[in-house]
Amino acid sequence: MSFSISQASTPSHPLAPYGWDDAWADTFAPYAEQGLLPGRVVRVDRGQCDVVTPDGVVRADTAFVVPRDPMRIVCTGDWVAVDPDGDPQFVRTLLPRRTAFVRSTSSQRSEGQVLATNIDHIVICVSLAVELDLGRLERFLALAMSSTAGAALLGDGPRPVDHEARPLVLLTKADLVPDVTTLSHLVEDVERIAPGVQVLPVSSATGEGVDVFGAIVGGGTSVLLGISGAGKSTLANTLLGEDVMHVQQAREVDGKGRHTTTTRNLLVLPGGGVLIDTPGLRGVGLWDAEAGVGQVFSEIEDLARQCRFHDCAHTSEPGCAVTAAIEDGSLPERRLDSYRKLLRENHRIAAKTDARLRSETLREWKRRGAEGRAAMELKRGRTR
């Protein structure tokens, strides 16, 4: 199958089911003139990736895309340019990302890890087989609401049009809560900590909520996130209508899964849309999420603007609207504790990141200085 610029934006383009549109065609145009082929990364492992192109799926090496920077490593969901005739084939460039879900790594270098890119819906799966962990959900939401900034718009080429990934909370395994009143209370508990976010109970076993969820993700790209055992892969199989993703039963003791999904996989849904299934997340460290924290805890930030002092710490200051809300019961103390915890963590990561960048810049200056001195010494030696 041949590819031409003239057919880049047509609905019948072979990459249209994967999310190809006029904006991507415009961004890719300079690379098409170089004879490169557009493609979307559907899977990454061991420095290589599977890329779907107009000519089919190719296996490509990612060595050309700055592997030393974790934020620039090719990720599932990326749009890339590959050489059509290379042997082996290489990803030649990474197109600018519209959005990305980024968490901090567990390394001491305080780097970000990109989990999925160019996404329209961030679907946070929470299992009703275990007790709700509202603190963990607030953490997921803070990162989800920071997805546009977290993209860092990395890649070559012009800056993409501003884009936003919308979070959605799925309460999975809803069939395990047969009492309608209890289920309604659980939904309300989550809605209280997720302002403006749709909360949808679903069950892959009974089909409850699956049609609604399918309609939501029927346009654009969605990523499934959550801990192991949340039912992400089972839900993906339900939407696909076949067992594409391998699943295992969660442990009855604690409801946790066994990490049966080991790579992030991009799947085209038969009803339209694209789904990225991800392995269960053991840890979700914040990364550049201050804006997201502010959105998740918007009621606290609204109260803070009513405090007598603009730098109020919300402890024992007179005229503090936040502590007044806690005293009258309109603001749960757990909510304020969680807000403070996430802000402290995000500030700590930001400080470590700034220190790391300063250190790396200093090392680079020293390296260039040493190279310059060596070049001068060589030049002097030749002129003697």
Protein backbone atom coordinates (compact mmCIF):
# COMPACT_ATOMS: atom_id res chain seq x y z
CA MET A 1 0.00 0.00 0.00
CA SER A 2 1.44 3.42 -0.97
CA PHE A 3 1.00 6.63 1.05
CA SER A 4 0.69 10.14 -0.29
CA ILE A 5 0.21 13.55 1.29
CA SER A 6 -2.98 14.09 -0.71
CA GLN A 7 -4.73 11.24 1.07
CA ALA A 8 -3.28 12.05 4.50
CA SER A 9 -6.45 13.56 5.93
CA THR A 10 -9.16 11.53 4.23
CA PRO A 11 -11.52 9.52 6.47
CA SER A 12 -10.61 6.38 4.53
CA HIS A 13 -6.94 6.70 5.41
CA PRO A 14 -5.68 3.39 6.85
CA LEU A 15 -4.58 5.12 10.08
CA ALA A 16 -7.96 6.81 10.66
CA PRO A 17 -9.14 4.02 13.04
CA TYR A 18 -6.02 4.72 15.14
CA GLY A 19 -6.80 8.43 15.53
CA TRP A 20 -5.16 9.98 12.45
CA ASP A 21 -6.75 13.35 11.63
CA ASP A 22 -6.11 16.60 9.73
CA ALA A 23 -4.01 18.06 12.54
CA TRP A 24 -1.67 15.05 12.58
CA ALA A 25 -1.47 15.18 8.80
CA ASP A 26 -0.40 18.85 8.95
CA THR A 27 2.21 18.11 11.63
CA PHE A 28 3.59 15.19 9.64
CA ALA A 29 3.72 16.98 6.26
CA PRO A 30 7.44 17.97 6.49
CA TYR A 31 8.41 14.37 7.22
CA ALA A 32 6.26 13.04 4.37
CA GLU A 33 8.28 15.27 2.05
CA GLN A 34 11.40 13.48 3.33
CA GLY A 35 9.91 10.13 2.29
CA LEU A 36 9.17 9.01 5.84
CA LEU A 37 6.08 7.04 6.84
CA PRO A 38 3.62 8.04 9.62
CA GLY A 39 2.69 5.51 12.25
CA ARG A 40 1.28 5.08 15.75
CA VAL A 41 3.08 3.07 18.42
CA VAL A 42 0.86 0.20 19.58
CA ARG A 43 3.38 -1.55 21.83
CA VAL A 44 6.88 -0.97 23.25
CA ASP A 45 9.33 -3.45 24.76
CA ARG A 46 13.12 -3.77 25.09
CA GLY A 47 14.06 -0.73 23.06
CA GLN A 48 11.84 -1.67 20.14
CA CYS A 49 8.24 -0.94 19.29
CA ASP A 50 5.40 -2.15 17.10
CA VAL A 51 4.23 0.69 14.86
CA VAL A 52 1.08 0.57 12.75
CA THR A 53 1.66 2.39 9.45
CA PRO A 54 -0.32 2.75 6.21
CA ASP A 55 1.66 -0.26 4.96
CA GLY A 56 0.90 -2.42 8.01
CA VAL A 57 2.56 -3.08 11.37
CA VAL A 58 6.34 -2.81 11.46
CA ARG A 59 8.89 -3.60 14.17
CA ALA A 60 11.10 -0.55 14.67
CA ASP A 61 14.12 0.35 16.78
CA THR A 62 13.90 3.47 18.94
CA ALA A 63 17.63 4.26 19.17
CA PHE A 64 17.32 7.51 17.20
CA VAL A 65 14.98 9.07 19.81
CA VAL A 66 17.16 10.36 22.69
CA PRO A 67 16.97 7.31 24.98
CA ARG A 68 18.75 9.09 27.85
CA ASP A 69 15.75 11.32 28.55
CA PRO A 70 12.88 9.28 30.04
CA MET A 71 10.38 11.90 28.92
CA ARG A 72 11.42 11.40 25.28
CA ILE A 73 11.43 7.62 25.22
CA VAL A 74 8.96 6.31 22.65
CA CYS A 75 5.72 5.35 24.38
CA THR A 76 2.50 3.54 23.48
CA GLY A 77 0.21 6.09 21.86
CA ASP A 78 2.97 8.16 20.27
CA TRP A 79 2.78 9.24 16.64
CA VAL A 80 6.13 8.78 14.94
CA ALA A 81 7.90 8.88 11.58
CA VAL A 82 9.64 5.71 10.40
CA ASP A 83 11.85 4.97 7.42
CA PRO A 84 9.84 2.92 4.93
CA ASP A 85 12.71 0.88 3.49
CA GLY A 86 15.18 0.49 6.35
CA ASP A 87 16.47 -2.90 7.43
CA PRO A 88 16.22 -2.79 10.37
CA GLN A 89 13.66 0.00 10.52
CA PHE A 90 14.04 2.92 12.91
CA VAL A 91 11.77 5.50 14.50
CA ARG A 92 13.28 8.65 13.02
CA THR A 93 11.33 11.26 14.96
CA LEU A 94 8.69 11.61 17.64
CA LEU A 95 5.80 13.95 16.81
CA PRO A 96 4.79 16.49 19.50
CA ARG A 97 2.44 14.97 22.06
CA ARG A 98 -0.96 16.49 22.65
CA THR A 99 -1.35 14.96 26.10
CA ALA A 100 0.46 12.45 28.29
CA PHE A 101 -0.09 10.67 31.60
CA VAL A 102 3.18 11.02 33.53
CA ARG A 103 4.16 9.78 36.97
CA SER A 104 7.45 10.12 38.84
CA THR A 105 9.82 7.17 38.76
CA SER A 106 11.09 5.35 41.84
CA SER A 107 14.69 6.28 40.98
CA GLN A 108 16.71 8.79 42.96
CA ARG A 109 16.96 11.00 39.84
CA SER A 110 13.39 12.29 40.25
CA GLU A 111 12.53 11.71 36.61
CA GLY A 112 9.14 11.38 34.99
CA GLN A 113 7.83 8.20 33.40
CA VAL A 114 5.38 8.59 30.53
CA LEU A 115 2.73 5.85 30.65
CA ALA A 116 0.55 6.79 27.67
CA THR A 117 0.39 9.65 25.16
CA ASN A 118 -2.03 11.46 22.87
CA ILE A 119 -5.01 10.43 24.96
CA ASP A 120 -8.49 11.98 25.12
CA HIS A 121 -9.89 10.04 28.10
CA ILE A 122 -7.99 8.94 31.22
CA VAL A 123 -10.06 6.12 32.67
CA ILE A 124 -9.28 5.40 36.33
CA CYS A 125 -10.51 1.93 37.26
CA VAL A 126 -11.38 1.35 40.92
CA SER A 127 -12.51 -2.10 42.02
CA LEU A 128 -15.55 -2.39 44.30
CA ALA A 129 -14.25 -5.80 45.41
CA VAL A 130 -12.20 -3.99 48.07
CA GLU A 131 -12.71 -0.94 50.28
CA LEU A 132 -12.42 2.37 48.46
CA ASP A 133 -9.05 4.09 48.89
CA LEU A 134 -10.04 7.72 48.40
CA GLY A 135 -6.49 8.97 48.94
CA ARG A 136 -5.14 6.86 46.09
CA LEU A 137 -7.98 7.98 43.84
CA GLU A 138 -7.23 11.65 44.61
CA ARG A 139 -3.63 10.98 43.57
CA PHE A 140 -4.71 9.42 40.25
CA LEU A 141 -7.07 12.32 39.60
CA ALA A 142 -4.39 14.94 40.29
CA LEU A 143 -2.12 13.35 37.68
CA ALA A 144 -4.98 12.91 35.21
CA MET A 145 -5.97 16.57 35.51
CA SER A 146 -2.34 17.57 34.87
CA SER A 147 -2.10 15.49 31.69
CA THR A 148 -1.88 18.42 29.27
CA ALA A 149 0.98 20.08 31.14
CA GLY A 150 2.56 16.69 31.76
CA ALA A 151 2.85 16.07 28.04
CA ALA A 152 5.61 18.68 28.03
CA LEU A 153 4.81 18.85 24.30
CA LEU A 154 7.92 16.81 23.60
CA GLY A 155 8.83 15.89 20.09
CA ASP A 156 9.99 17.56 16.93
CA GLY A 157 7.98 19.95 14.82
CA PRO A 158 5.48 22.73 15.62
CA ARG A 159 3.63 22.97 18.91
CA PRO A 160 0.29 21.08 18.64
CA VAL A 161 -3.06 22.69 19.26
CA ASP A 162 -3.90 22.80 22.97
CA HIS A 163 -5.59 19.57 23.92
CA GLU A 164 -7.11 18.18 27.08
CA ALA A 165 -7.54 14.64 28.35
CA ARG A 166 -10.73 14.21 30.35
CA PRO A 167 -10.67 11.92 33.40
CA LEU A 168 -13.36 9.33 34.03
CA VAL A 169 -13.73 7.13 37.11
CA LEU A 170 -15.02 3.59 36.59
CA LEU A 171 -16.21 1.69 39.65
CA THR A 172 -15.57 -1.81 38.32
CA LYS A 173 -17.05 -5.12 39.52
CA ALA A 174 -20.28 -3.34 40.43
CA ASP A 175 -22.03 -6.71 40.49
CA LEU A 176 -20.29 -7.37 43.83
CA VAL A 177 -22.41 -4.59 45.37
CA PRO A 178 -25.95 -5.86 44.69
CA ASP A 179 -27.64 -3.37 47.02
CA VAL A 180 -28.66 -0.37 44.93
CA THR A 181 -28.59 2.05 47.88
CA THR A 182 -25.09 1.01 48.92
CA LEU A 183 -23.83 1.37 45.35
CA SER A 184 -25.40 4.82 45.12
CA HIS A 185 -23.62 5.90 48.32
CA LEU A 186 -20.28 4.66 46.94
CA VAL A 187 -20.79 6.67 43.75
CA GLU A 188 -21.61 9.75 45.83
CA ASP A 189 -18.46 9.27 47.95
CA VAL A 190 -16.32 9.29 44.81
CA GLU A 191 -18.18 12.19 43.21
CA ARG A 192 -17.46 14.33 46.29
CA ILE A 193 -13.68 14.00 45.75
CA ALA A 194 -13.82 14.16 41.95
CA PRO A 195 -15.35 17.55 41.08
CA GLY A 196 -16.62 17.69 37.53
CA VAL A 197 -15.61 14.09 36.79
CA GLN A 198 -18.10 11.47 35.64
CA VAL A 199 -18.29 8.44 37.92
CA LEU A 200 -19.70 5.30 36.32
CA PRO A 201 -20.29 1.88 37.96
CA VAL A 202 -19.64 -0.96 35.51
CA SER A 203 -19.60 -4.74 35.53
CA SER A 204 -18.01 -6.92 32.87
CA ALA A 205 -19.90 -9.88 34.37
CA THR A 206 -23.41 -8.42 34.00
CA GLY A 207 -22.79 -5.75 31.37
CA GLU A 208 -23.92 -2.95 33.66
CA GLY A 209 -22.63 0.40 32.42
CA VAL A 210 -20.57 -1.15 29.62
CA ASP A 211 -22.70 0.36 26.83
CA VAL A 212 -22.41 3.81 28.36
CA PHE A 213 -18.66 3.40 28.77
CA GLY A 214 -18.33 2.16 25.19
CA ALA A 215 -20.15 5.25 23.92
CA ILE A 216 -17.82 7.55 25.91
CA VAL A 217 -14.63 5.98 24.57
CA GLY A 218 -16.06 5.49 21.06
CA GLY A 219 -14.27 8.63 19.91
CA GLY A 220 -10.61 9.37 20.47
CA THR A 221 -8.03 7.49 22.51
CA SER A 222 -8.60 6.25 26.07
CA VAL A 223 -6.16 4.76 28.58
CA LEU A 224 -7.16 2.35 31.35
CA LEU A 225 -5.30 2.97 34.61
CA GLY A 226 -5.49 1.40 38.05
CA ILE A 227 -3.91 -1.10 40.39
CA SER A 228 -3.74 -4.81 39.60
CA GLY A 229 -7.04 -6.55 40.08
CA ALA A 230 -9.14 -3.53 39.07
CA GLY A 231 -10.52 -5.43 36.06
CA LYS A 232 -8.92 -3.33 33.31
CA SER A 233 -8.05 -6.20 30.96
CA THR A 234 -11.41 -7.91 31.51
CA LEU A 235 -13.13 -4.65 30.64
CA ALA A 236 -10.95 -4.28 27.53
CA ASN A 237 -11.91 -7.79 26.41
CA THR A 238 -15.58 -6.96 26.97
CA LEU A 239 -15.36 -3.90 24.72
CA LEU A 240 -13.36 -5.80 22.10
CA GLY A 241 -15.84 -8.68 22.10
CA GLU A 242 -13.03 -11.26 22.37
CA ASP A 243 -10.33 -12.37 24.79
CA VAL A 244 -7.39 -10.38 23.48
CA MET A 245 -5.91 -9.49 26.87
CA HIS A 246 -4.94 -12.30 29.25
CA VAL A 247 -6.58 -12.10 32.68
CA GLN A 248 -6.38 -13.92 36.00
CA GLN A 249 -8.63 -13.93 39.03
CA ALA A 250 -7.76 -11.46 41.78
CA ARG A 251 -6.77 -12.91 45.16
CA GLU A 252 -9.75 -13.35 47.44
CA VAL A 253 -7.72 -12.21 50.46
CA ASP A 254 -7.08 -8.63 49.34
CA GLY A 255 -8.61 -8.36 45.85
CA LYS A 256 -5.24 -7.71 44.25
CA GLY A 257 -4.33 -9.01 40.81
CA ARG A 258 -1.20 -10.75 39.53
CA HIS A 259 0.08 -8.26 36.92
CA THR A 260 -1.02 -10.39 33.97
CA THR A 261 -0.68 -7.38 31.65
CA THR A 262 3.04 -6.65 31.30
CA THR A 263 3.11 -4.12 28.46
CA ARG A 264 0.97 -1.17 27.43
CA ASN A 265 -1.07 -2.20 24.41
CA LEU A 266 -3.02 0.02 22.01
CA LEU A 267 -6.20 -1.65 20.75
CA VAL A 268 -8.74 -0.50 18.15
CA LEU A 269 -12.31 -0.93 19.39
CA PRO A 270 -14.90 -2.41 16.99
CA GLY A 271 -17.37 0.35 17.87
CA GLY A 272 -14.82 3.09 17.21
CA GLY A 273 -12.11 4.64 19.31
CA VAL A 274 -8.78 3.40 20.58
CA LEU A 275 -8.04 1.85 23.97
CA ILE A 276 -4.66 1.58 25.74
CA ASP A 277 -4.57 -1.15 28.37
CA THR A 278 -1.80 -0.82 30.95
CA PRO A 279 -0.22 -3.05 33.61
CA GLY A 280 -1.41 -2.54 37.19
CA LEU A 281 0.34 0.34 38.93
CA ARG A 282 1.90 -0.38 42.32
CA GLY A 283 2.89 3.24 42.90
CA VAL A 284 1.67 6.53 41.49
CA GLY A 285 4.15 9.28 42.33
CA LEU A 286 3.20 12.83 41.45
CA TRP A 287 4.96 14.59 38.58
CA ASP A 288 4.36 18.26 37.71
CA ALA A 289 0.87 17.91 39.16
CA GLU A 290 0.33 21.14 41.10
CA ALA A 291 -2.39 22.29 38.70
CA GLY A 292 -4.11 18.92 39.01
CA VAL A 293 -3.96 18.99 42.80
CA GLY A 294 -5.60 22.41 42.72
CA GLN A 295 -8.43 21.08 40.54
CA VAL A 296 -9.04 17.96 42.63
CA PHE A 297 -9.16 20.03 45.82
CA SER A 298 -10.85 23.06 44.30
CA GLU A 299 -13.14 23.53 47.30
CA ILE A 300 -10.11 23.96 49.59
CA GLU A 301 -8.49 26.47 47.25
CA ASP A 302 -11.79 28.38 47.04
CA LEU A 303 -11.94 28.51 50.84
CA ALA A 304 -8.28 29.58 51.05
CA ARG A 305 -9.08 32.69 49.00
CA GLN A 306 -11.52 33.69 51.75
CA CYS A 307 -8.91 33.52 54.52
CA ARG A 308 -7.94 36.77 56.25
CA PHE A 309 -4.27 36.32 55.36
CA HIS A 310 -3.16 35.49 51.83
CA ASP A 311 -0.33 33.28 53.15
CA CYS A 312 -2.54 31.44 55.65
CA ALA A 313 -1.22 27.98 56.58
CA HIS A 314 -4.70 26.82 57.65
CA THR A 315 -3.57 25.77 61.11
CA SER A 316 -4.29 28.27 63.91
CA GLU A 317 -4.43 31.61 62.08
CA PRO A 318 -7.37 33.91 62.91
CA GLY A 319 -9.93 34.32 60.17
CA CYS A 320 -9.02 31.04 58.44
CA ALA A 321 -11.92 29.91 56.26
CA VAL A 322 -10.44 26.42 55.83
CA THR A 323 -10.24 25.56 59.53
CA ALA A 324 -13.68 27.11 60.00
CA ALA A 325 -15.05 24.71 57.39
CA ILE A 326 -13.47 21.78 59.21
CA GLU A 327 -14.98 22.92 62.50
CA ASP A 328 -18.49 23.23 61.07
CA GLY A 329 -18.18 19.86 59.31
CA SER A 330 -18.48 21.11 55.73
CA LEU A 331 -14.88 20.06 54.95
CA PRO A 332 -13.63 16.63 56.08
CA GLU A 333 -10.27 16.81 57.86
CA ARG A 334 -9.10 13.79 55.84
CA ARG A 335 -9.55 15.88 52.72
CA LEU A 336 -7.29 18.67 54.00
CA ASP A 337 -4.67 16.15 55.14
CA SER A 338 -4.64 14.58 51.67
CA TYR A 339 -4.36 18.01 50.01
CA ARG A 340 -1.37 18.94 52.14
CA LYS A 341 0.31 15.58 51.56
CA LEU A 342 0.03 15.79 47.77
CA LEU A 343 1.21 19.40 47.65
CA ARG A 344 4.25 18.57 49.82
CA GLU A 345 5.11 15.60 47.61
CA ASN A 346 4.76 17.60 44.40
CA HIS A 347 6.93 20.44 45.77
CA ARG A 348 9.58 17.95 46.89
CA ILE A 349 9.70 16.30 43.46
CA ALA A 350 9.85 19.71 41.76
CA ALA A 351 12.76 20.78 43.98
CA LYS A 352 14.66 17.54 43.31
CA THR A 353 14.04 17.89 39.59
CA ASP A 354 15.33 21.48 39.56
CA ALA A 355 18.45 20.39 41.46
CA ARG A 356 19.03 17.51 39.03
CA LEU A 357 18.66 19.78 36.01
CA ARG A 358 21.09 22.31 37.49
CA SER A 359 23.59 19.52 38.17
CA GLU A 360 23.26 18.10 34.65
CA THR A 361 23.66 21.58 33.13
CA LEU A 362 26.81 22.18 35.20
CA ARG A 363 28.26 18.83 34.09
CA GLU A 364 27.53 19.72 30.46
CA TRP A 365 29.26 23.10 30.83
CA LYS A 366 32.30 21.43 32.39
CA ARG A 367 32.41 18.86 29.58
CA ARG A 368 32.25 21.52 26.89
CA GLY A 369 34.88 23.57 28.73
CA ALA A 370 37.21 20.57 28.89
CA GLU A 371 36.70 19.90 25.17
CA GLY A 372 37.40 23.55 24.38
CA ARG A 373 40.61 23.58 26.44
CA ALA A 374 41.76 20.34 24.81
CA ALA A 375 41.11 21.82 21.37
CA MET A 376 43.10 24.95 22.24
CA GLU A 377 46.02 22.91 23.55
CA LEU A 378 46.00 20.86 20.33
CA LYS A 379 45.91 24.03 18.23
CA ARG A 380 48.81 25.57 20.19
CA GLY A 381 50.83 22.40 19.78
CA ARG A 382 50.42 22.55 16.01
CA THR A 383 51.48 26.19 15.76
CA ARG A 384 54.72 25.80 17.75
